[in-house]
């Protein structure tokens, strides 16, 4: 029951974030939280992503950097030209 209540509370926070801000902010928060969770897991518990290394390898750190660059570029593009960056409706 506790897990269900926490999951419901998490959904309320997601709805609140999308309603008060926009989906980009919600996506940025979620992606950043997940990325920090992975990095902290590797740092604290030694969970590695490759079978031969207990920590991140060169390729994994490149991917971490790409995620942060992607988030940063989305935020910059949205703040510089809010009228130009629009979602296409099908």
Protein backbone atom coordinates (compact mmCIF):
# COMPACT_ATOMS: atom_id res chain seq x y z
CA UNK A 1 0.00 0.00 0.00
CA UNK A 2 2.87 2.38 0.80
CA UNK A 3 4.40 1.98 -2.66
CA UNK A 4 1.03 2.66 -4.29
CA UNK A 5 0.52 5.81 -2.25
CA UNK A 6 4.03 7.06 -3.07
CA UNK A 7 3.48 6.32 -6.77
CA UNK A 8 0.23 8.28 -6.67
CA UNK A 9 1.96 11.16 -4.93
CA UNK A 10 4.68 11.11 -7.59
CA UNK A 11 2.02 11.32 -10.30
CA UNK A 12 0.52 14.35 -8.54
CA UNK A 13 3.91 16.08 -8.58
CA UNK A 14 4.32 15.28 -12.29
CA UNK A 15 0.86 16.68 -13.07
CA UNK A 16 1.57 19.79 -10.97
CA UNK A 17 4.88 20.41 -12.73
CA UNK A 18 3.36 20.06 -16.20
CA UNK A 19 0.37 22.21 -15.25
CA UNK A 20 2.34 25.02 -13.58
CA UNK A 21 5.34 25.09 -15.92
CA UNK A 22 5.50 23.00 -19.11
CA UNK A 23 6.41 19.49 -20.26
CA UNK A 24 10.00 20.53 -21.00
CA UNK A 25 10.59 21.44 -17.35
CA UNK A 26 9.09 18.11 -16.25
CA UNK A 27 11.26 16.19 -18.72
CA UNK A 28 14.36 18.09 -17.60
CA UNK A 29 13.66 17.36 -13.94
CA UNK A 30 12.99 13.68 -14.61
CA UNK A 31 16.03 13.15 -16.84
CA UNK A 32 18.37 14.99 -14.48
CA UNK A 33 17.06 13.04 -11.49
CA UNK A 34 17.55 9.71 -13.28
CA UNK A 35 21.04 10.66 -14.42
CA UNK A 36 22.10 11.66 -10.91
CA UNK A 37 20.59 8.44 -9.56
CA UNK A 38 22.77 6.40 -11.92
CA UNK A 39 25.93 8.38 -11.17
CA UNK A 40 25.34 8.17 -7.40
CA UNK A 41 24.65 4.44 -7.68
CA UNK A 42 27.99 3.93 -9.42
CA UNK A 43 29.80 6.15 -6.93
CA UNK A 44 28.28 4.81 -3.68
CA UNK A 45 27.68 1.15 -4.47
CA UNK A 46 30.17 0.46 -7.26
CA UNK A 47 27.49 -0.52 -9.76
CA UNK A 48 29.18 -0.54 -13.14
CA UNK A 49 27.63 -0.43 -16.55
CA UNK A 50 30.21 -2.63 -18.25
CA UNK A 51 31.04 -6.19 -17.27
CA UNK A 52 34.79 -5.65 -16.93
CA UNK A 53 34.75 -2.39 -14.93
CA UNK A 54 33.19 -1.59 -11.56
CA UNK A 55 32.83 2.07 -12.55
CA UNK A 56 31.86 4.05 -15.62
CA UNK A 57 34.00 3.63 -18.68
CA UNK A 58 34.93 6.24 -21.25
CA UNK A 59 31.82 5.61 -23.37
CA UNK A 60 29.45 5.83 -20.41
CA UNK A 61 30.90 9.21 -19.35
CA UNK A 62 30.50 10.41 -22.94
CA UNK A 63 26.82 9.45 -22.78
CA UNK A 64 26.40 11.27 -19.45
CA UNK A 65 27.90 14.36 -21.06
CA UNK A 66 25.62 14.03 -24.09
CA UNK A 67 22.54 13.87 -21.87
CA UNK A 68 23.54 17.04 -20.02
CA UNK A 69 24.39 18.81 -23.29
CA UNK A 70 21.03 17.82 -24.74
CA UNK A 71 19.15 19.13 -21.72
CA UNK A 72 21.16 22.36 -21.76
CA UNK A 73 20.59 22.92 -25.50
CA UNK A 74 16.84 22.34 -25.10
CA UNK A 75 16.65 24.91 -22.32
CA UNK A 76 18.73 27.45 -24.27
CA UNK A 77 16.68 26.95 -27.44
CA UNK A 78 13.44 27.36 -25.51
CA UNK A 79 14.59 30.52 -23.71
CA UNK A 80 16.15 32.23 -26.75
CA UNK A 81 13.28 31.72 -29.17
CA UNK A 82 10.09 30.66 -27.40
CA UNK A 83 7.95 31.48 -30.44
CA UNK A 84 10.05 29.52 -32.92
CA UNK A 85 10.45 26.26 -31.02
CA UNK A 86 7.00 24.69 -31.18
CA UNK A 87 5.67 21.18 -31.20
CA UNK A 88 4.26 19.96 -34.49
CA UNK A 89 0.67 18.84 -34.30
CA UNK A 90 -0.33 15.95 -36.49
